[in-house]
């Protein structure tokens, strides 16, 4: 089984600054992941041609209608004008319907630009959960990449958007497996607090759990903060010449052995995708 995490930077290419559906489809298909967590995902955004990037990713992976989920964190456009998405649900849970394309939106939000995270699975999903992680109350500087060849990155002050995690209980060959994806705050300190909050919430869940995400925390720090197993150690950012690992795969419980780790550059994004190939710790007998 191949698990992966990929901050897609709303599908934009560093080469020409454009977002193209076919290029995004090829990028996701080329990862050949069985379960993939995506961050910085656009839906109906003018900057990405009104594409539904989560739906495109599901198409590229061949995921069933009930086996992928996009959750908006904001409506509007980050860095411009936006409002927090209404993601609250009783008990912090959402059970997937026939097609859980959007969680926590309203009918009058149809067609409104949205931005958030997504989890796509080729394995059957038994249950979906959404975990709220809060947001930093302060503005913080962040570097935005240039829009095309020769353009420079720019430093701006940004308000932090709400942070969430999507958890899916999967029907794997070795029994139930919970896989979680998240995109934590870029504000130092708050990202560590959010990660600790997430693992405390996941302590309520039985069985093995894997976190896939852009944690905005470098190197070995996520493993030290959580005492979870760090399954992949490889710099992932910036994509052309990675210097730091911001994207992580963490595990709790018996999830098998790591056969290979891939840090894969694609035609889109300023992050590389991080992929982990797992094999059972013991041979599985049907």
Protein backbone atom coordinates (compact mmCIF):
# COMPACT_ATOMS: atom_id res chain seq x y z
CA UNK A 1 0.00 0.00 0.00
CA UNK A 2 1.27 3.44 -0.92
CA UNK A 3 0.34 6.40 1.30
CA UNK A 4 1.12 9.95 0.30
CA UNK A 5 0.81 13.62 1.19
CA UNK A 6 1.00 16.49 -1.28
CA UNK A 7 0.59 20.24 -0.83
CA UNK A 8 -0.60 21.06 -4.35
CA UNK A 9 -0.42 24.90 -4.11
CA UNK A 10 -3.85 25.04 -5.81
CA UNK A 11 -2.43 23.13 -8.78
CA UNK A 12 -0.18 25.93 -9.98
CA UNK A 13 3.03 25.32 -11.88
CA UNK A 14 6.24 27.09 -10.88
CA UNK A 15 7.28 27.01 -14.53
CA UNK A 16 4.57 29.20 -16.05
CA UNK A 17 2.34 30.14 -13.10
CA UNK A 18 -0.69 28.48 -14.72
CA UNK A 19 -3.20 25.90 -13.49
CA UNK A 20 -4.14 23.30 -16.10
CA UNK A 21 -6.53 20.40 -15.52
CA UNK A 22 -4.61 17.87 -17.59
CA UNK A 23 -1.32 18.76 -15.93
CA UNK A 24 -2.88 18.37 -12.49
CA UNK A 25 -4.44 15.01 -13.45
CA UNK A 26 -1.06 13.78 -14.70
CA UNK A 27 0.69 14.97 -11.54
CA UNK A 28 -1.67 13.07 -9.23
CA UNK A 29 -1.85 9.96 -11.40
CA UNK A 30 1.95 9.85 -11.52
CA UNK A 31 2.11 9.44 -7.74
CA UNK A 32 0.21 6.11 -7.96
CA UNK A 33 -0.92 6.48 -4.33
CA UNK A 34 -3.56 4.25 -2.77
CA UNK A 35 -4.38 6.93 -0.18
CA UNK A 36 -3.44 10.57 -0.72
CA UNK A 37 -3.80 13.61 1.52
CA UNK A 38 -3.94 16.93 -0.33
CA UNK A 39 -3.46 20.43 1.03
CA UNK A 40 -4.09 23.90 -0.49
CA UNK A 41 -6.94 22.54 -2.60
CA UNK A 42 -9.12 24.92 -4.65
CA UNK A 43 -12.73 24.57 -5.72
CA UNK A 44 -14.38 27.12 -8.05
CA UNK A 45 -11.50 29.59 -7.64
CA UNK A 46 -10.86 32.07 -10.50
CA UNK A 47 -7.09 31.66 -9.95
CA UNK A 48 -7.38 27.95 -10.80
CA UNK A 49 -9.94 28.20 -13.57
CA UNK A 50 -12.94 27.24 -11.39
CA UNK A 51 -11.62 23.68 -11.26
CA UNK A 52 -12.64 21.19 -8.57
CA UNK A 53 -9.17 19.91 -7.74
CA UNK A 54 -10.35 17.26 -5.26
CA UNK A 55 -12.69 15.79 -7.86
CA UNK A 56 -9.88 15.79 -10.42
CA UNK A 57 -7.57 14.02 -7.95
CA UNK A 58 -10.23 11.39 -7.28
CA UNK A 59 -10.62 10.90 -11.02
CA UNK A 60 -6.87 10.54 -11.48
CA UNK A 61 -6.66 7.91 -8.72
CA UNK A 62 -9.81 6.03 -9.70
CA UNK A 63 -11.42 6.57 -6.28
CA UNK A 64 -15.09 5.70 -5.80
CA UNK A 65 -17.69 8.39 -5.12
CA UNK A 66 -17.84 7.57 -1.40
CA UNK A 67 -14.09 7.25 -1.00
CA UNK A 68 -12.92 10.84 -1.29
CA UNK A 69 -13.69 13.97 0.65
CA UNK A 70 -12.96 17.70 0.28
CA UNK A 71 -13.47 19.96 3.29
CA UNK A 72 -13.27 23.74 2.82
CA UNK A 73 -11.59 25.76 5.52
CA UNK A 74 -12.51 29.11 3.93
CA UNK A 75 -14.84 30.55 1.32
CA UNK A 76 -13.25 33.21 -0.84
CA UNK A 77 -9.57 33.37 -1.71
CA UNK A 78 -6.69 33.15 0.83
CA UNK A 79 -4.46 36.20 0.66
CA UNK A 80 -7.36 38.28 -0.65
CA UNK A 81 -10.89 38.26 0.77
CA UNK A 82 -12.25 35.24 2.62
CA UNK A 83 -14.43 34.07 5.49
CA UNK A 84 -14.14 30.92 7.60
CA UNK A 85 -16.12 27.95 6.33
CA UNK A 86 -18.81 26.56 8.60
CA UNK A 87 -17.38 23.13 9.31
CA UNK A 88 -18.98 22.43 12.69
CA UNK A 89 -20.89 19.16 13.02
CA UNK A 90 -22.38 17.50 16.11
CA UNK A 91 -19.61 15.56 17.79
CA UNK A 92 -17.11 16.84 15.23
CA UNK A 93 -18.07 14.04 12.84
CA UNK A 94 -19.33 13.70 9.30
CA UNK A 95 -20.47 10.40 7.89
CA UNK A 96 -19.89 10.09 4.17
CA UNK A 97 -22.90 9.95 1.90
CA UNK A 98 -22.98 8.83 -1.68
CA UNK A 99 -20.46 11.49 -2.67
CA UNK A 100 -18.81 13.44 0.16
CA UNK A 101 -17.41 16.12 -2.15
CA UNK A 102 -18.02 18.97 0.30
CA UNK A 103 -18.33 18.79 4.08
CA UNK A 104 -19.78 21.67 6.06
CA UNK A 105 -21.06 23.83 3.20
CA UNK A 106 -24.59 25.12 2.59
CA UNK A 107 -26.75 25.14 -0.52
CA UNK A 108 -26.23 28.87 -0.95
CA UNK A 109 -22.46 28.28 -1.03
CA UNK A 110 -22.75 26.41 -4.33
CA UNK A 111 -20.37 27.96 -6.83
CA UNK A 112 -18.66 30.12 -4.20
CA UNK A 113 -14.86 29.90 -4.30
CA UNK A 114 -13.58 27.51 -1.63
CA UNK A 115 -10.19 26.40 -0.36
CA UNK A 116 -9.28 23.55 1.96
CA UNK A 117 -7.92 20.02 2.18
CA UNK A 118 -8.89 16.67 0.72
CA UNK A 119 -8.38 12.96 1.33
CA UNK A 120 -8.64 10.50 -1.55
CA UNK A 121 -8.65 6.70 -1.16
CA UNK A 122 -8.68 3.74 -3.50
CA UNK A 123 -9.61 1.63 -0.46
CA UNK A 124 -13.23 1.58 0.74
CA UNK A 125 -13.99 4.19 3.41
CA UNK A 126 -16.16 3.04 6.32
CA UNK A 127 -16.50 6.41 8.04
CA UNK A 128 -15.41 10.04 7.74
CA UNK A 129 -14.62 12.42 10.58
CA UNK A 130 -13.70 16.11 10.60
CA UNK A 131 -11.60 17.43 13.48
CA UNK A 132 -11.37 21.16 14.12
CA UNK A 133 -7.95 22.43 15.19
CA UNK A 134 -8.52 26.17 15.54
CA UNK A 135 -6.41 28.97 14.09
CA UNK A 136 -3.71 31.35 15.21
CA UNK A 137 -5.14 34.71 16.40
CA UNK A 138 -2.18 36.72 15.08
CA UNK A 139 -0.91 37.74 11.66
CA UNK A 140 2.37 36.30 10.53
CA UNK A 141 4.70 36.91 7.56
CA UNK A 142 4.73 34.31 4.78
CA UNK A 143 6.65 34.12 1.51
CA UNK A 144 4.54 33.61 -1.61
CA UNK A 145 6.28 32.15 -4.68
CA UNK A 146 6.49 34.19 -7.86
CA UNK A 147 3.89 33.78 -10.55
CA UNK A 148 6.17 32.76 -13.39
CA UNK A 149 9.74 32.42 -14.71
CA UNK A 150 12.07 35.03 -13.27
CA UNK A 151 9.51 36.44 -10.84
CA UNK A 152 10.53 36.83 -7.21
CA UNK A 153 8.84 35.56 -4.11
CA UNK A 154 7.05 38.23 -2.07
CA UNK A 155 6.67 38.51 1.68
CA UNK A 156 3.23 39.43 3.00
CA UNK A 157 1.44 39.45 6.36
CA UNK A 158 -1.42 36.97 6.46
CA UNK A 159 -4.24 36.11 8.81
CA UNK A 160 -4.27 32.41 9.56
CA UNK A 161 -7.24 30.44 8.24
CA UNK A 162 -9.04 27.81 10.32
CA UNK A 163 -7.21 24.49 10.47
CA UNK A 164 -8.90 21.10 10.36
CA UNK A 165 -8.11 17.44 9.84
CA UNK A 166 -10.01 14.86 7.80
CA UNK A 167 -9.96 11.31 9.16
CA UNK A 168 -11.08 8.26 7.19
CA UNK A 169 -11.51 4.78 8.64
CA UNK A 170 -10.44 2.54 5.77
CA UNK A 171 -11.23 -1.08 5.05
CA UNK A 172 -7.71 -2.36 4.40
CA UNK A 173 -6.61 -5.94 3.73
CA UNK A 174 -5.29 -6.17 7.30
CA UNK A 175 -8.35 -4.66 8.98
CA UNK A 176 -9.51 -1.12 9.81
CA UNK A 177 -6.91 1.60 9.31
CA UNK A 178 -7.46 5.27 10.16
CA UNK A 179 -5.74 7.74 7.83
CA UNK A 180 -5.77 11.45 8.60
CA UNK A 181 -4.73 14.46 6.57
CA UNK A 182 -4.20 18.03 7.74
CA UNK A 183 -2.50 21.32 6.92
CA UNK A 184 -1.28 23.05 10.06
CA UNK A 185 -0.67 26.74 10.69
CA UNK A 186 2.36 28.58 9.32
CA UNK A 187 2.53 30.52 12.64
CA UNK A 188 5.37 29.13 14.78
CA UNK A 189 4.19 27.55 18.00
CA UNK A 190 0.56 27.33 16.91
CA UNK A 191 1.35 24.52 14.50
CA UNK A 192 2.92 22.52 17.32
CA UNK A 193 -0.13 23.17 19.52
CA UNK A 194 -2.45 22.03 16.72
CA UNK A 195 -0.48 18.84 16.17
CA UNK A 196 -0.66 17.98 19.87
CA UNK A 197 -4.38 18.72 19.84
CA UNK A 198 -4.85 16.44 16.84
CA UNK A 199 -3.02 13.50 18.39
CA UNK A 200 -5.02 13.91 21.61
CA UNK A 201 -8.24 13.66 19.59
CA UNK A 202 -6.91 10.64 17.70
CA UNK A 203 -6.13 8.90 20.99
CA UNK A 204 -9.88 8.21 21.16
CA UNK A 205 -9.69 6.09 18.02
CA UNK A 206 -8.80 2.40 18.18
CA UNK A 207 -6.28 0.62 15.99
CA UNK A 208 -3.44 1.91 13.83
CA UNK A 209 -3.51 5.54 12.68
CA UNK A 210 -1.45 7.41 10.08
CA UNK A 211 -1.19 11.19 9.72
CA UNK A 212 -0.41 12.57 6.26
CA UNK A 213 0.10 16.29 5.97
CA UNK A 214 1.89 19.56 5.56
CA UNK A 215 2.57 20.19 9.23
CA UNK A 216 4.69 23.33 8.72
CA UNK A 217 7.11 21.82 11.24
CA UNK A 218 10.65 20.90 10.20
CA UNK A 219 12.49 17.60 10.20
CA UNK A 220 12.19 15.35 13.23
CA UNK A 221 10.15 17.83 15.30
CA UNK A 222 6.68 16.29 14.62
CA UNK A 223 7.88 12.89 15.81
CA UNK A 224 9.42 14.41 18.92
CA UNK A 225 6.25 16.36 19.74
CA UNK A 226 3.91 13.40 19.29
CA UNK A 227 6.15 10.39 20.01
CA UNK A 228 4.63 8.83 16.90
CA UNK A 229 6.77 6.96 14.37
CA UNK A 230 8.21 9.14 11.62
CA UNK A 231 7.91 6.96 8.52
CA UNK A 232 9.74 9.24 6.06
CA UNK A 233 12.73 11.53 6.47
CA UNK A 234 13.30 13.59 3.34
CA UNK A 235 13.30 17.33 2.56
CA UNK A 236 10.17 18.33 0.62
CA UNK A 237 10.38 22.12 0.25
CA UNK A 238 11.03 24.05 -1.94
CA UNK A 239 10.31 21.68 -4.81
CA UNK A 240 13.18 22.63 -7.17
CA UNK A 241 15.86 22.02 -4.51
CA UNK A 242 14.34 20.85 -1.19
CA UNK A 243 16.07 22.10 1.94
CA UNK A 244 13.53 21.35 4.69
CA UNK A 245 10.92 18.70 5.42
CA UNK A 246 7.53 20.29 6.07
CA UNK A 247 5.45 17.36 4.79
CA UNK A 248 5.25 14.29 6.98
CA UNK A 249 3.92 10.75 7.42
CA UNK A 250 3.51 9.79 11.08
CA UNK A 251 2.14 6.51 12.42
CA UNK A 252 0.79 5.09 15.67
CA UNK A 253 0.37 1.36 16.12
CA UNK A 254 1.16 -1.60 13.83
CA UNK A 255 0.87 -0.36 10.26
CA UNK A 256 3.47 -2.63 8.62
CA UNK A 257 7.02 -2.05 7.47
CA UNK A 258 8.29 0.74 5.26
CA UNK A 259 9.53 -0.74 2.01
CA UNK A 260 10.38 2.54 0.26
CA UNK A 261 10.10 6.32 0.58
CA UNK A 262 9.71 8.59 -2.44
CA UNK A 263 10.04 12.37 -2.45
CA UNK A 264 8.60 13.07 -5.88
CA UNK A 265 8.64 16.31 -7.84
CA UNK A 266 5.63 16.92 -10.06
CA UNK A 267 4.75 19.52 -12.72
CA UNK A 268 2.78 21.49 -10.10
CA UNK A 269 3.37 23.06 -6.67
CA UNK A 270 6.26 24.44 -4.65
CA UNK A 271 6.26 21.25 -2.52
CA UNK A 272 7.29 17.75 -3.48
CA UNK A 273 4.93 14.88 -2.79
CA UNK A 274 6.01 12.52 -0.02
CA UNK A 275 5.12 8.85 -0.55
CA UNK A 276 5.59 5.81 1.68
CA UNK A 277 5.26 2.20 0.49
CA UNK A 278 4.14 -0.18 3.24
CA UNK A 279 4.15 -3.96 3.44
CA UNK A 280 2.53 -6.04 6.20
CA UNK A 281 4.75 -6.89 9.15
CA UNK A 282 3.64 -10.52 8.77
CA UNK A 283 2.25 -12.26 5.68
CA UNK A 284 -1.51 -11.89 5.45
CA UNK A 285 -3.56 -15.07 5.24
CA UNK A 286 -6.99 -14.63 3.60
